[in-house]
Protein backbone atom coordinates (compact mmCIF):
# COMPACT_ATOMS: atom_id res chain seq x y z
CA UNK A 1 100.72 135.64 87.82
CA UNK A 2 103.70 137.94 87.89
CA UNK A 3 104.69 140.25 90.71
CA UNK A 4 107.52 142.62 91.48
CA UNK A 5 108.61 142.77 95.13
CA UNK A 6 110.81 145.82 95.68
CA UNK A 7 112.09 144.83 99.14
CA UNK A 8 113.10 141.28 98.15
CA UNK A 9 116.88 141.71 98.25
CA UNK A 10 118.40 138.30 98.98
CA UNK A 11 117.98 134.55 98.90
CA UNK A 12 116.47 134.58 102.38
CA UNK A 13 113.77 136.95 101.20
CA UNK A 14 113.11 134.71 98.20
CA UNK A 15 112.75 131.67 100.48
CA UNK A 16 110.29 133.60 102.68
CA UNK A 17 108.24 134.66 99.66
CA UNK A 18 108.19 131.07 98.37
CA UNK A 19 107.17 129.74 101.78
CA UNK A 20 104.32 132.25 102.04
CA UNK A 21 102.96 131.19 98.66
CA UNK A 22 103.45 127.46 99.39
CA UNK A 23 101.53 127.91 102.67
CA UNK A 24 98.53 128.96 100.57
CA UNK A 25 99.00 126.31 97.87
CA UNK A 26 101.57 123.57 98.43
CA UNK A 27 101.33 122.65 94.74
CA UNK A 28 102.09 126.16 93.49
CA UNK A 29 104.99 126.65 91.12
CA UNK A 30 107.12 129.63 92.13
CA UNK A 31 109.97 131.11 90.08
CA UNK A 32 111.94 133.98 91.61
CA UNK A 33 114.64 136.20 90.18
CA UNK A 34 116.11 138.19 93.07
CA UNK A 35 118.20 140.37 90.73
CA UNK A 36 115.11 141.71 88.95
CA UNK A 37 112.82 141.28 92.01
CA UNK A 38 110.33 139.35 89.87
CA UNK A 39 108.16 136.48 91.07
CA UNK A 40 106.15 134.23 88.75
CA UNK A 41 103.49 132.03 90.30
CA UNK A 42 101.30 129.27 88.89
CA UNK A 43 98.61 128.44 91.44
CA UNK A 44 94.95 127.72 91.94
CA UNK A 45 94.88 130.41 94.64
CA UNK A 46 93.63 133.84 93.52
CA UNK A 47 95.98 136.72 92.89
CA UNK A 48 94.31 138.77 95.63
CA UNK A 49 94.90 136.00 98.20
CA UNK A 50 98.59 135.83 97.29
CA UNK A 51 98.94 139.63 97.40
CA UNK A 52 97.27 139.75 100.83
CA UNK A 53 99.48 136.99 102.26
CA UNK A 54 102.71 138.49 100.89
CA UNK A 55 101.76 141.95 102.14
CA UNK A 56 100.97 140.55 105.60
CA UNK A 57 104.41 138.88 105.67
CA UNK A 58 106.19 142.14 104.78
CA UNK A 59 106.69 141.62 101.05
CA UNK A 60 104.04 143.78 99.37
CA UNK A 61 103.97 142.89 95.67
CA UNK A 62 103.27 145.10 92.69
CA UNK A 63 101.67 143.54 89.62
CA UNK A 64 104.32 143.08 86.95
């Protein structure tokens, strides 16, 4: 899954996004590029669950 998170502007934001995803699936693989605001996730959790959790935590993603 790939997402773009427009309001992810720093390393702290990236850590928060990673933590949110890892709370859903501790075995998820998360790759973040803050410069391009892109997040790549490999997980057994559904895309809609990840989108809902990120949105709830203040980082609404857009499908990339």
